[in-house]
Amino acid sequence: MRRIFVLVLMMIGAYASVSAQELYVFTEPASNMPTKSIGVRITNEGMFNYPGYVSRTIPEVMIGFNKNLMMHAQAFFSDMDGKYRLEGGSLYAKYRFLSLDEAHSHFRASAFGRVSTSKRPTYTRDINLEGDNSGVQGGLIFTQLLHKLALSSTLGYAHAFENSDRQIVGMPQPKNMLSYSLSSGYLVLPVVYKDYKQPNFNVYLELLGKTDPGSGQSYLDIAPPYKWF
């Protein structure tokens, strides 16, 4: 399976207080948005292993309630099962419970939770709560900023809701899934900051893994994205 993920439109002050190195493509940092800020993000992902090309679009609204609490609301649209339609939605909340700050570094720790719904049929043990499955997830995020380098790790546990009407007969049924990730981001440009109008170029490396506790089967994806701000 080959997927292309494109992230566009992160605006209206979203993550203005977060270092660019922490703005990972596939994972959330432990840092939060500024208080009383609103962000909009649109994610598009496509797949080429079907006869032709199918895609999913995920519009997302992010709200920073205070320095410790933020929430995301997502909707999922795709043509993966025929006609382009609304597949479902998701609510995500993150609470920062630890913050240690120094001059050019900081450490953050947060807890997160997600609840999702989806109309898609299920045919694999893998659980994806951003479009493919209905279920809940909870976990922890730890992020360390060291000047130009940001490192972040996530540990989560997801449970898929059973729905016999959407389960394809004879195919594996999703139940529980352990997810884990290690993400790094490095600020390449500018070498020296003169003002906030300077463009930023960041390179990232993300390791994204999942393990099915029932079967013991695992997989690991490696993602090397980059961003220009």
Protein backbone atom coordinates (compact mmCIF):
# COMPACT_ATOMS: atom_id res chain seq x y z
CA MET A 1 0.00 0.00 0.00
CA ARG A 2 1.37 3.39 -0.95
CA ARG A 3 -0.04 6.49 0.65
CA ILE A 4 0.59 10.16 0.06
CA PHE A 5 -0.18 12.54 2.89
CA VAL A 6 -0.39 16.29 2.28
CA LEU A 7 -0.86 18.74 5.14
CA VAL A 8 -2.17 22.22 4.29
CA LEU A 9 -3.81 25.14 6.01
CA MET A 10 -2.59 25.46 9.55
CA MET A 11 -3.69 28.98 10.34
CA ILE A 12 -5.40 31.44 12.71
CA GLY A 13 -2.61 31.30 15.27
CA ALA A 14 -2.51 27.55 15.71
CA TYR A 15 0.62 26.45 17.56
CA ALA A 16 2.07 29.95 17.54
CA SER A 17 3.83 29.14 20.83
CA VAL A 18 5.18 25.78 19.62
CA SER A 19 8.64 25.49 18.07
CA ALA A 20 8.52 24.59 14.37
CA GLN A 21 10.64 21.51 15.10
CA GLU A 22 7.69 20.13 17.10
CA LEU A 23 5.13 20.48 14.28
CA TYR A 24 5.37 16.86 13.21
CA VAL A 25 3.38 15.61 10.22
CA PHE A 26 2.04 12.34 11.65
CA THR A 27 2.06 12.84 15.44
CA GLU A 28 1.11 15.46 18.03
CA PRO A 29 3.71 17.02 20.34
CA ALA A 30 3.08 17.32 24.07
CA SER A 31 3.07 21.12 23.69
CA ASN A 32 -0.26 22.93 23.31
CA MET A 33 -1.72 25.79 21.33
CA PRO A 34 -1.87 29.25 22.96
CA THR A 35 -4.82 30.03 25.23
CA LYS A 36 -8.00 31.12 23.39
CA SER A 37 -6.55 30.35 19.97
CA ILE A 38 -8.21 28.59 17.03
CA GLY A 39 -6.51 26.64 14.27
CA VAL A 40 -7.70 25.07 11.03
CA ARG A 41 -5.94 22.17 9.34
CA ILE A 42 -6.80 20.08 6.28
CA THR A 43 -5.16 16.71 5.67
CA ASN A 44 -5.46 14.75 2.45
CA GLU A 45 -4.31 11.16 2.02
CA GLY A 46 -4.43 9.06 -1.12
CA MET A 47 -3.96 5.41 -2.00
CA PHE A 48 -2.85 3.83 -5.29
CA ASN A 49 -3.38 0.12 -4.65
CA TYR A 50 -7.03 0.25 -5.74
CA PRO A 51 -8.05 0.17 -9.42
CA GLY A 52 -7.28 3.83 -9.83
CA TYR A 53 -6.86 6.36 -7.03
CA VAL A 54 -8.91 6.95 -3.89
CA SER A 55 -8.46 9.63 -1.26
CA ARG A 56 -9.61 10.88 2.12
CA THR A 57 -9.89 14.52 3.18
CA ILE A 58 -9.87 15.44 6.88
CA PRO A 59 -10.87 19.02 7.79
CA GLU A 60 -9.99 19.80 11.39
CA VAL A 61 -10.67 22.61 13.87
CA MET A 62 -8.33 22.99 16.86
CA ILE A 63 -9.10 25.06 19.96
CA GLY A 64 -6.76 26.03 22.81
CA PHE A 65 -8.91 26.51 25.92
CA ASN A 66 -6.01 27.33 28.24
CA LYS A 67 -2.28 26.64 28.47
CA ASN A 68 -2.91 23.03 29.49
CA LEU A 69 -6.03 21.94 27.58
CA MET A 70 -6.78 21.82 23.86
CA MET A 71 -9.25 19.94 21.65
CA HIS A 72 -9.54 18.90 18.00
CA ALA A 73 -12.73 18.17 16.04
CA GLN A 74 -12.35 16.26 12.76
CA ALA A 75 -14.61 15.13 9.94
CA PHE A 76 -13.71 12.37 7.47
CA PHE A 77 -14.68 12.45 3.77
CA SER A 78 -13.56 9.85 1.21
CA ASP A 79 -14.41 7.79 -1.85
CA MET A 80 -12.72 4.64 -0.54
CA ASP A 81 -16.00 2.70 -0.60
CA GLY A 82 -17.44 4.07 -3.83
CA LYS A 83 -19.02 7.52 -3.89
CA TYR A 84 -17.36 10.43 -2.12
CA ARG A 85 -19.16 10.77 1.22
CA LEU A 86 -18.94 11.74 4.87
CA GLU A 87 -17.45 8.72 6.66
CA GLY A 88 -17.55 9.92 10.25
CA GLY A 89 -15.87 12.19 12.76
CA SER A 90 -13.60 12.37 15.77
CA LEU A 91 -13.01 14.38 18.94
CA TYR A 92 -9.49 14.59 20.38
CA ALA A 93 -8.42 16.20 23.68
CA LYS A 94 -4.94 16.75 25.08
CA TYR A 95 -4.03 17.84 28.62
CA ARG A 96 -0.51 18.99 29.49
CA PHE A 97 0.33 17.98 33.06
CA LEU A 98 4.08 18.69 33.15
CA SER A 99 6.16 21.58 31.81
CA LEU A 100 9.85 22.20 32.55
CA ASP A 101 11.33 25.29 30.86
CA GLU A 102 14.89 26.52 30.41
CA ALA A 103 16.51 29.16 28.19
CA HIS A 104 16.80 27.12 24.97
CA SER A 105 15.07 23.92 25.93
CA HIS A 106 11.92 22.55 27.50
CA PHE A 107 10.25 19.27 28.42
CA ARG A 108 6.52 18.64 28.14
CA ALA A 109 4.33 15.70 29.14
CA SER A 110 0.67 15.35 28.15
CA ALA A 111 -2.19 12.86 28.29
CA PHE A 112 -4.59 12.51 25.36
CA GLY A 113 -7.87 10.85 24.51
CA ARG A 114 -9.86 10.32 21.33
CA VAL A 115 -13.33 9.05 20.42
CA SER A 116 -14.22 8.36 16.78
CA THR A 117 -17.04 7.09 14.63
CA SER A 118 -16.87 5.70 11.09
CA LYS A 119 -19.27 4.17 8.55
CA ARG A 120 -16.53 2.14 6.85
CA PRO A 121 -16.62 -1.68 6.74
CA THR A 122 -13.94 -3.40 8.85
CA TYR A 123 -11.75 -6.13 7.38
CA THR A 124 -8.41 -5.96 9.23
CA ARG A 125 -7.08 -6.05 12.80
CA ASP A 126 -5.43 -2.67 12.32
CA ILE A 127 -7.23 0.24 14.01
CA ASN A 128 -7.21 3.72 12.49
CA LEU A 129 -9.43 6.15 14.40
CA GLU A 130 -8.97 8.85 11.75
CA GLY A 131 -11.48 7.51 9.26
CA ASP A 132 -11.44 3.70 9.25
CA ASN A 133 -12.78 2.62 12.65
CA SER A 134 -15.18 3.58 15.42
CA GLY A 135 -13.57 3.43 18.85
CA VAL A 136 -11.69 5.13 21.67
CA GLN A 137 -8.02 5.76 22.38
CA GLY A 138 -5.94 7.11 25.24
CA GLY A 139 -2.24 7.63 25.83
CA LEU A 140 0.74 9.75 26.83
CA ILE A 141 3.06 12.11 24.93
CA PHE A 142 6.54 13.24 26.00
CA THR A 143 8.39 15.99 24.09
CA GLN A 144 11.91 17.37 24.64
CA LEU A 145 13.18 20.49 22.85
CA LEU A 146 16.97 20.92 22.78
CA HIS A 147 17.68 24.19 20.93
CA LYS A 148 17.19 23.24 17.23
CA LEU A 149 16.27 19.59 17.85
CA ALA A 150 12.89 18.36 19.12
CA LEU A 151 12.28 14.75 20.15
CA SER A 152 8.85 13.33 20.96
CA SER A 153 7.51 9.91 21.91
CA THR A 154 3.90 8.74 22.07
CA LEU A 155 2.37 5.64 23.63
CA GLY A 156 -1.32 4.92 23.04
CA TYR A 157 -3.92 2.16 23.41
CA ALA A 158 -6.99 1.95 21.18
CA HIS A 159 -10.18 -0.10 21.41
CA ALA A 160 -12.47 -0.53 18.39
CA PHE A 161 -16.22 -0.71 18.90
CA GLU A 162 -17.79 -3.94 17.64
CA ASN A 163 -20.27 -3.53 14.79
CA SER A 164 -21.42 -6.76 13.16
CA ASP A 165 -23.28 -4.83 10.43
CA ARG A 166 -20.01 -3.39 9.11
CA GLN A 167 -17.78 -6.42 9.68
CA ILE A 168 -16.86 -8.21 6.43
CA VAL A 169 -17.54 -11.93 6.87
CA GLY A 170 -14.41 -14.07 7.10
CA MET A 171 -12.05 -11.13 7.65
CA PRO A 172 -10.17 -10.30 10.88
CA GLN A 173 -12.08 -8.15 13.37
CA PRO A 174 -10.39 -5.15 15.01
CA LYS A 175 -10.39 -5.18 18.81
CA ASN A 176 -7.43 -3.55 20.55
CA MET A 177 -4.23 -1.94 19.33
CA LEU A 178 -1.08 -0.63 21.02
CA SER A 179 0.51 2.28 19.16
CA TYR A 180 3.89 3.92 19.70
CA SER A 181 6.00 6.49 17.92
CA LEU A 182 9.30 8.32 18.07
CA SER A 183 9.48 11.63 16.20
CA SER A 184 12.36 14.04 15.66
CA GLY A 185 12.43 17.48 14.10
CA TYR A 186 15.44 19.66 13.30
CA LEU A 187 15.52 23.35 12.35
CA VAL A 188 17.86 23.68 9.36
CA LEU A 189 17.14 27.31 8.42
CA PRO A 190 17.60 30.01 9.49
CA VAL A 191 21.00 29.31 11.00
CA VAL A 192 20.65 32.46 13.13
CA TYR A 193 17.30 34.08 13.95
CA LYS A 194 17.09 37.81 13.18
CA ASP A 195 13.31 38.23 13.19
CA TYR A 196 10.14 36.12 13.06
CA LYS A 197 9.58 36.95 9.37
CA GLN A 198 12.44 34.70 8.31
CA PRO A 199 11.42 31.48 6.53
CA ASN A 200 11.90 28.22 8.45
CA PHE A 201 13.04 24.95 6.88
CA ASN A 202 12.67 21.86 9.06
CA VAL A 203 13.43 18.19 8.45
CA TYR A 204 11.72 15.39 10.36
CA LEU A 205 12.04 11.66 10.91
CA GLU A 206 9.13 9.74 12.42
CA LEU A 207 8.96 6.06 13.42
CA LEU A 208 5.33 4.91 13.70
CA GLY A 209 4.54 1.47 15.09
CA LYS A 210 1.56 -0.62 16.13
CA THR A 211 1.17 -3.99 17.87
CA ASP A 212 -1.95 -6.13 18.08
CA PRO A 213 -1.87 -7.50 21.67
CA GLY A 214 -4.15 -10.37 20.67
CA SER A 215 -2.01 -11.84 17.89
CA GLY A 216 1.34 -10.25 18.75
CA GLN A 217 1.69 -9.00 15.17
CA SER A 218 3.40 -5.63 14.66
CA TYR A 219 4.45 -3.22 11.95
CA LEU A 220 6.64 -0.13 11.78
CA ASP A 221 6.45 2.76 9.30
CA ILE A 222 9.30 5.21 8.71
CA ALA A 223 8.34 8.71 7.54
CA PRO A 224 10.95 11.36 6.53
CA PRO A 225 8.88 14.53 5.88
CA TYR A 226 10.02 18.15 5.67
CA LYS A 227 8.29 21.52 6.07
CA TRP A 228 8.87 25.06 4.87
CA PHE A 229 7.29 27.88 6.90
